[in-house]
Amino acid sequence: MADARRRRRAEATCLWCGRELGEQPTMGRRRQYCRQSCRQRAYENRTTMASAGLPEDAVLFTAGERQLLADKLFQVRCAAEDVATAVADGATGGELGALVDQLLATARDAEVLRD
């Protein structure tokens, strides 16, 4: 049980940009944002959504953000295809390990939606 709580604390991410928050306090309210600027952007987003009559959980992207997300997802797919090809070709464990590490790094980068 304590291990699960530690894992959840270590995996907490900023609600605005998706960055890892790092170690959370054991007492008191848990952090939701990595920086004050992320907290401010989230507030602005909530008030804009409310004034536009959009649902609170709606997600809006600029055209540039949408393209960046599409590019990151394409990179993840390519990395996954590299792993699948290596498995089909009978790659060694070391080669597969390197490809999986690259896939994980690419996926982690894709998790960060905003800078």
N, C-alpha and C. Protein backbone atom coordinates (compact mmCIF):
# COMPACT_ATOMS: atom_id res chain seq x y z
N MET A 1 0.82 -1.19 0.00
CA MET A 1 0.00 0.00 0.00
C MET A 1 0.87 1.26 0.00
N ALA A 2 1.87 1.30 0.86
CA ALA A 2 2.76 2.46 0.92
C ALA A 2 3.55 2.60 -0.38
N ASP A 3 3.95 1.46 -0.98
CA ASP A 3 4.67 1.51 -2.25
C ASP A 3 3.80 2.10 -3.35
N ALA A 4 2.53 1.76 -3.37
CA ALA A 4 1.61 2.30 -4.38
C ALA A 4 1.45 3.81 -4.21
N ARG A 5 1.37 4.27 -2.96
CA ARG A 5 1.27 5.71 -2.72
C ARG A 5 2.52 6.43 -3.18
N ARG A 6 3.69 5.84 -2.90
CA ARG A 6 4.94 6.46 -3.33
C ARG A 6 5.00 6.54 -4.85
N ARG A 7 4.57 5.45 -5.51
CA ARG A 7 4.60 5.42 -6.96
C ARG A 7 3.67 6.50 -7.53
N ARG A 8 2.47 6.64 -6.94
CA ARG A 8 1.52 7.64 -7.41
C ARG A 8 2.10 9.04 -7.23
N ARG A 9 2.75 9.27 -6.10
CA ARG A 9 3.35 10.58 -5.86
C ARG A 9 4.46 10.86 -6.86
N ALA A 10 5.27 9.86 -7.15
CA ALA A 10 6.39 10.05 -8.07
C ALA A 10 5.90 10.24 -9.50
N GLU A 11 4.72 9.69 -9.85
CA GLU A 11 4.22 9.77 -11.20
C GLU A 11 3.28 10.95 -11.43
N ALA A 12 3.07 11.78 -10.42
CA ALA A 12 2.16 12.92 -10.56
C ALA A 12 2.71 13.88 -11.61
N THR A 13 1.80 14.38 -12.45
CA THR A 13 2.20 15.30 -13.50
C THR A 13 1.38 16.58 -13.41
N CYS A 14 1.94 17.64 -13.95
CA CYS A 14 1.29 18.95 -13.99
C CYS A 14 0.00 18.84 -14.80
N LEU A 15 -1.08 19.37 -14.27
CA LEU A 15 -2.37 19.31 -14.96
C LEU A 15 -2.40 20.16 -16.22
N TRP A 16 -1.48 21.12 -16.34
CA TRP A 16 -1.48 21.98 -17.52
C TRP A 16 -0.51 21.49 -18.59
N CYS A 17 0.75 21.28 -18.24
CA CYS A 17 1.75 20.97 -19.26
C CYS A 17 2.15 19.50 -19.30
N GLY A 18 1.85 18.74 -18.26
CA GLY A 18 2.17 17.32 -18.26
C GLY A 18 3.54 16.96 -17.72
N ARG A 19 4.32 17.95 -17.29
CA ARG A 19 5.64 17.64 -16.72
C ARG A 19 5.48 16.89 -15.40
N GLU A 20 6.47 16.07 -15.09
CA GLU A 20 6.45 15.37 -13.81
C GLU A 20 6.63 16.37 -12.68
N LEU A 21 5.88 16.17 -11.61
CA LEU A 21 5.95 17.08 -10.47
C LEU A 21 7.01 16.69 -9.47
N GLY A 22 7.52 15.50 -9.58
CA GLY A 22 8.53 15.06 -8.63
C GLY A 22 7.89 14.62 -7.33
N GLU A 23 8.66 14.64 -6.28
CA GLU A 23 8.20 14.17 -4.97
C GLU A 23 7.12 15.11 -4.44
N GLN A 24 6.02 14.52 -4.01
CA GLN A 24 4.90 15.28 -3.45
C GLN A 24 5.03 15.32 -1.93
N PRO A 25 4.49 16.36 -1.30
CA PRO A 25 4.53 16.40 0.17
C PRO A 25 3.69 15.28 0.76
N THR A 26 4.13 14.78 1.90
CA THR A 26 3.39 13.70 2.54
C THR A 26 2.19 14.23 3.31
N MET A 27 2.22 15.49 3.68
CA MET A 27 1.09 16.09 4.39
C MET A 27 0.62 17.30 3.61
N GLY A 28 -0.63 17.61 3.77
CA GLY A 28 -1.17 18.79 3.11
C GLY A 28 -1.64 18.50 1.69
N ARG A 29 -2.01 19.56 1.02
CA ARG A 29 -2.54 19.45 -0.33
C ARG A 29 -1.42 19.13 -1.32
N ARG A 30 -1.70 18.23 -2.24
CA ARG A 30 -0.70 17.86 -3.25
C ARG A 30 -0.65 18.91 -4.34
N ARG A 31 0.54 19.12 -4.88
CA ARG A 31 0.71 20.06 -5.98
C ARG A 31 0.00 19.55 -7.22
N GLN A 32 -0.58 20.46 -7.98
CA GLN A 32 -1.23 20.09 -9.23
C GLN A 32 -0.51 20.67 -10.43
N TYR A 33 0.29 21.70 -10.21
CA TYR A 33 0.98 22.39 -11.30
C TYR A 33 2.46 22.50 -10.98
N CYS A 34 3.28 22.46 -12.02
CA CYS A 34 4.73 22.50 -11.79
C CYS A 34 5.23 23.92 -11.53
N ARG A 35 4.55 24.91 -12.08
CA ARG A 35 4.97 26.30 -11.93
C ARG A 35 3.74 27.19 -11.77
N GLN A 36 3.97 28.39 -11.30
CA GLN A 36 2.88 29.36 -11.17
C GLN A 36 2.31 29.70 -12.54
N SER A 37 3.14 29.75 -13.57
CA SER A 37 2.64 30.08 -14.91
C SER A 37 1.68 29.01 -15.42
N CYS A 38 1.91 27.75 -15.08
CA CYS A 38 0.98 26.68 -15.47
C CYS A 38 -0.34 26.83 -14.73
N ARG A 39 -0.27 27.18 -13.45
CA ARG A 39 -1.49 27.41 -12.68
C ARG A 39 -2.30 28.55 -13.30
N GLN A 40 -1.59 29.62 -13.70
CA GLN A 40 -2.26 30.78 -14.30
C GLN A 40 -2.90 30.41 -15.64
N ARG A 41 -2.17 29.68 -16.50
CA ARG A 41 -2.73 29.26 -17.81
C ARG A 41 -3.96 28.39 -17.61
N ALA A 42 -3.93 27.51 -16.62
CA ALA A 42 -5.08 26.64 -16.36
C ALA A 42 -6.28 27.47 -15.91
N TYR A 43 -6.03 28.46 -15.06
CA TYR A 43 -7.11 29.34 -14.61
C TYR A 43 -7.71 30.10 -15.79
N GLU A 44 -6.84 30.66 -16.63
CA GLU A 44 -7.32 31.39 -17.80
C GLU A 44 -8.13 30.48 -18.72
N ASN A 45 -7.66 29.25 -18.88
CA ASN A 45 -8.37 28.30 -19.72
C ASN A 45 -9.76 27.99 -19.15
N ARG A 46 -9.83 27.77 -17.83
CA ARG A 46 -11.12 27.46 -17.21
C ARG A 46 -12.10 28.62 -17.37
N THR A 47 -11.64 29.84 -17.14
CA THR A 47 -12.55 30.99 -17.24
C THR A 47 -12.97 31.23 -18.69
N THR A 48 -12.08 31.02 -19.64
CA THR A 48 -12.43 31.16 -21.06
C THR A 48 -13.46 30.11 -21.46
N MET A 49 -13.26 28.88 -21.01
CA MET A 49 -14.20 27.81 -21.32
C MET A 49 -15.58 28.13 -20.74
N ALA A 50 -15.61 28.61 -19.50
CA ALA A 50 -16.89 28.91 -18.86
C ALA A 50 -17.60 30.04 -19.60
N SER A 51 -16.86 31.08 -20.00
CA SER A 51 -17.50 32.21 -20.68
C SER A 51 -17.96 31.83 -22.09
N ALA A 52 -17.32 30.84 -22.71
CA ALA A 52 -17.71 30.39 -24.05
C ALA A 52 -18.80 29.32 -24.00
N GLY A 53 -19.15 28.86 -22.81
CA GLY A 53 -20.18 27.84 -22.67
C GLY A 53 -19.71 26.45 -23.03
N LEU A 54 -18.40 26.22 -23.04
CA LEU A 54 -17.86 24.90 -23.35
C LEU A 54 -17.75 24.08 -22.08
N PRO A 55 -17.80 22.75 -22.19
CA PRO A 55 -17.63 21.91 -21.00
C PRO A 55 -16.26 22.15 -20.36
N GLU A 56 -16.20 22.00 -19.05
CA GLU A 56 -14.96 22.26 -18.33
C GLU A 56 -13.84 21.32 -18.75
N ASP A 57 -14.19 20.11 -19.17
CA ASP A 57 -13.16 19.14 -19.55
C ASP A 57 -12.83 19.18 -21.04
N ALA A 58 -13.34 20.16 -21.77
CA ALA A 58 -13.01 20.29 -23.19
C ALA A 58 -11.55 20.68 -23.34
N VAL A 59 -10.93 20.20 -24.40
CA VAL A 59 -9.52 20.50 -24.66
C VAL A 59 -9.43 21.24 -25.98
N LEU A 60 -8.81 22.40 -25.96
CA LEU A 60 -8.63 23.19 -27.17
C LEU A 60 -7.15 23.29 -27.48
N PHE A 61 -6.81 23.11 -28.74
CA PHE A 61 -5.44 23.25 -29.20
C PHE A 61 -5.39 24.30 -30.29
N THR A 62 -4.30 25.03 -30.34
CA THR A 62 -4.06 25.88 -31.50
C THR A 62 -3.65 24.95 -32.64
N ALA A 63 -3.63 25.49 -33.85
CA ALA A 63 -3.22 24.67 -34.99
C ALA A 63 -1.78 24.18 -34.80
N GLY A 64 -0.93 25.03 -34.25
CA GLY A 64 0.46 24.64 -34.01
C GLY A 64 0.59 23.54 -32.97
N GLU A 65 -0.18 23.65 -31.89
CA GLU A 65 -0.16 22.61 -30.85
C GLU A 65 -0.69 21.29 -31.39
N ARG A 66 -1.73 21.36 -32.22
CA ARG A 66 -2.28 20.15 -32.81
C ARG A 66 -1.25 19.48 -33.71
N GLN A 67 -0.53 20.27 -34.51
CA GLN A 67 0.49 19.71 -35.40
C GLN A 67 1.64 19.13 -34.59
N LEU A 68 2.04 19.80 -33.52
CA LEU A 68 3.11 19.29 -32.67
C LEU A 68 2.71 17.95 -32.05
N LEU A 69 1.48 17.84 -31.58
CA LEU A 69 1.00 16.58 -31.01
C LEU A 69 0.98 15.49 -32.07
N ALA A 70 0.51 15.82 -33.28
CA ALA A 70 0.49 14.83 -34.37
C ALA A 70 1.91 14.36 -34.69
N ASP A 71 2.87 15.29 -34.70
CA ASP A 71 4.26 14.93 -34.97
C ASP A 71 4.81 14.00 -33.89
N LYS A 72 4.51 14.32 -32.62
CA LYS A 72 4.99 13.48 -31.52
C LYS A 72 4.39 12.08 -31.59
N LEU A 73 3.10 12.00 -31.91
CA LEU A 73 2.45 10.69 -32.03
C LEU A 73 3.04 9.89 -33.20
N PHE A 74 3.37 10.57 -34.29
CA PHE A 74 4.01 9.90 -35.42
C PHE A 74 5.37 9.33 -35.01
N GLN A 75 6.13 10.10 -34.23
CA GLN A 75 7.43 9.62 -33.75
C GLN A 75 7.27 8.39 -32.87
N VAL A 76 6.24 8.37 -32.02
CA VAL A 76 5.99 7.20 -31.18
C VAL A 76 5.65 5.99 -32.04
N ARG A 77 4.80 6.19 -33.04
CA ARG A 77 4.43 5.08 -33.93
C ARG A 77 5.65 4.54 -34.66
N CYS A 78 6.50 5.43 -35.16
CA CYS A 78 7.72 4.99 -35.86
C CYS A 78 8.63 4.19 -34.93
N ALA A 79 8.78 4.66 -33.69
CA ALA A 79 9.62 3.94 -32.73
C ALA A 79 9.03 2.57 -32.42
N ALA A 80 7.70 2.49 -32.31
CA ALA A 80 7.06 1.19 -32.05
C ALA A 80 7.23 0.26 -33.25
N GLU A 81 7.14 0.80 -34.46
CA GLU A 81 7.35 -0.01 -35.67
C GLU A 81 8.79 -0.51 -35.73
N ASP A 82 9.75 0.30 -35.29
CA ASP A 82 11.15 -0.13 -35.25
C ASP A 82 11.30 -1.34 -34.33
N VAL A 83 10.63 -1.31 -33.18
CA VAL A 83 10.69 -2.44 -32.24
C VAL A 83 10.07 -3.67 -32.89
N ALA A 84 8.90 -3.51 -33.51
CA ALA A 84 8.23 -4.65 -34.14
C ALA A 84 9.08 -5.24 -35.26
N THR A 85 9.72 -4.41 -36.05
CA THR A 85 10.58 -4.89 -37.14
C THR A 85 11.78 -5.64 -36.57
N ALA A 86 12.37 -5.10 -35.51
CA ALA A 86 13.52 -5.75 -34.89
C ALA A 86 13.15 -7.12 -34.33
N VAL A 87 11.98 -7.22 -33.72
CA VAL A 87 11.51 -8.51 -33.20
C VAL A 87 11.33 -9.50 -34.34
N ALA A 88 10.70 -9.05 -35.43
CA ALA A 88 10.47 -9.93 -36.58
C ALA A 88 11.78 -10.37 -37.23
N ASP A 89 12.80 -9.51 -37.18
CA ASP A 89 14.10 -9.83 -37.77
C ASP A 89 15.00 -10.62 -36.83
N GLY A 90 14.53 -10.90 -35.61
CA GLY A 90 15.32 -11.68 -34.67
C GLY A 90 16.47 -10.91 -34.04
N ALA A 91 16.24 -9.65 -33.71
CA ALA A 91 17.28 -8.82 -33.10
C ALA A 91 17.68 -9.38 -31.74
N THR A 92 18.89 -9.05 -31.33
CA THR A 92 19.39 -9.50 -30.03
C THR A 92 18.71 -8.72 -28.91
N GLY A 93 18.85 -9.23 -27.70
CA GLY A 93 18.28 -8.56 -26.53
C GLY A 93 18.81 -7.16 -26.35
N GLY A 94 20.09 -6.96 -26.59
CA GLY A 94 20.68 -5.64 -26.45
C GLY A 94 20.12 -4.65 -27.46
N GLU A 95 19.95 -5.12 -28.69
CA GLU A 95 19.38 -4.25 -29.73
C GLU A 95 17.93 -3.90 -29.39
N LEU A 96 17.17 -4.90 -28.95
CA LEU A 96 15.78 -4.64 -28.57
C LEU A 96 15.70 -3.69 -27.38
N GLY A 97 16.60 -3.89 -26.42
CA GLY A 97 16.61 -3.00 -25.25
C GLY A 97 16.84 -1.56 -25.64
N ALA A 98 17.77 -1.33 -26.57
CA ALA A 98 18.05 0.03 -27.02
C ALA A 98 16.84 0.63 -27.74
N LEU A 99 16.17 -0.19 -28.56
CA LEU A 99 14.99 0.30 -29.28
C LEU A 99 13.83 0.59 -28.33
N VAL A 100 13.66 -0.25 -27.33
CA VAL A 100 12.60 -0.02 -26.35
C VAL A 100 12.90 1.24 -25.53
N ASP A 101 14.17 1.44 -25.17
CA ASP A 101 14.54 2.67 -24.46
C ASP A 101 14.20 3.90 -25.29
N GLN A 102 14.48 3.83 -26.60
CA GLN A 102 14.16 4.95 -27.50
C GLN A 102 12.65 5.16 -27.58
N LEU A 103 11.90 4.07 -27.65
CA LEU A 103 10.43 4.15 -27.68
C LEU A 103 9.91 4.82 -26.41
N LEU A 104 10.43 4.42 -25.26
CA LEU A 104 9.99 5.02 -23.99
C LEU A 104 10.32 6.50 -23.92
N ALA A 105 11.52 6.87 -24.37
CA ALA A 105 11.91 8.29 -24.36
C ALA A 105 11.00 9.11 -25.27
N THR A 106 10.67 8.56 -26.43
CA THR A 106 9.80 9.25 -27.37
C THR A 106 8.39 9.39 -26.80
N ALA A 107 7.90 8.33 -26.15
CA ALA A 107 6.57 8.39 -25.54
C ALA A 107 6.52 9.40 -24.40
N ARG A 108 7.58 9.45 -23.59
CA ARG A 108 7.61 10.43 -22.49
C ARG A 108 7.60 11.85 -23.03
N ASP A 109 8.33 12.08 -24.12
CA ASP A 109 8.33 13.40 -24.74
C ASP A 109 6.94 13.75 -25.26
N ALA A 110 6.24 12.77 -25.80
CA ALA A 110 4.89 13.02 -26.33
C ALA A 110 3.89 13.34 -25.23
N GLU A 111 4.16 12.91 -24.00
CA GLU A 111 3.25 13.20 -22.88
C GLU A 111 3.21 14.67 -22.53
N VAL A 112 4.28 15.39 -22.81
CA VAL A 112 4.33 16.82 -22.49
C VAL A 112 3.61 17.56 -23.61
N LEU A 113 2.41 18.04 -23.32
CA LEU A 113 1.60 18.66 -24.35
C LEU A 113 1.96 20.11 -24.60
N ARG A 114 2.33 20.81 -23.56
CA ARG A 114 2.65 22.23 -23.71
C ARG A 114 3.99 22.50 -23.05
N ASP A 115 4.71 23.47 -23.61
CA ASP A 115 5.99 23.86 -23.01
C ASP A 115 5.84 25.01 -22.07
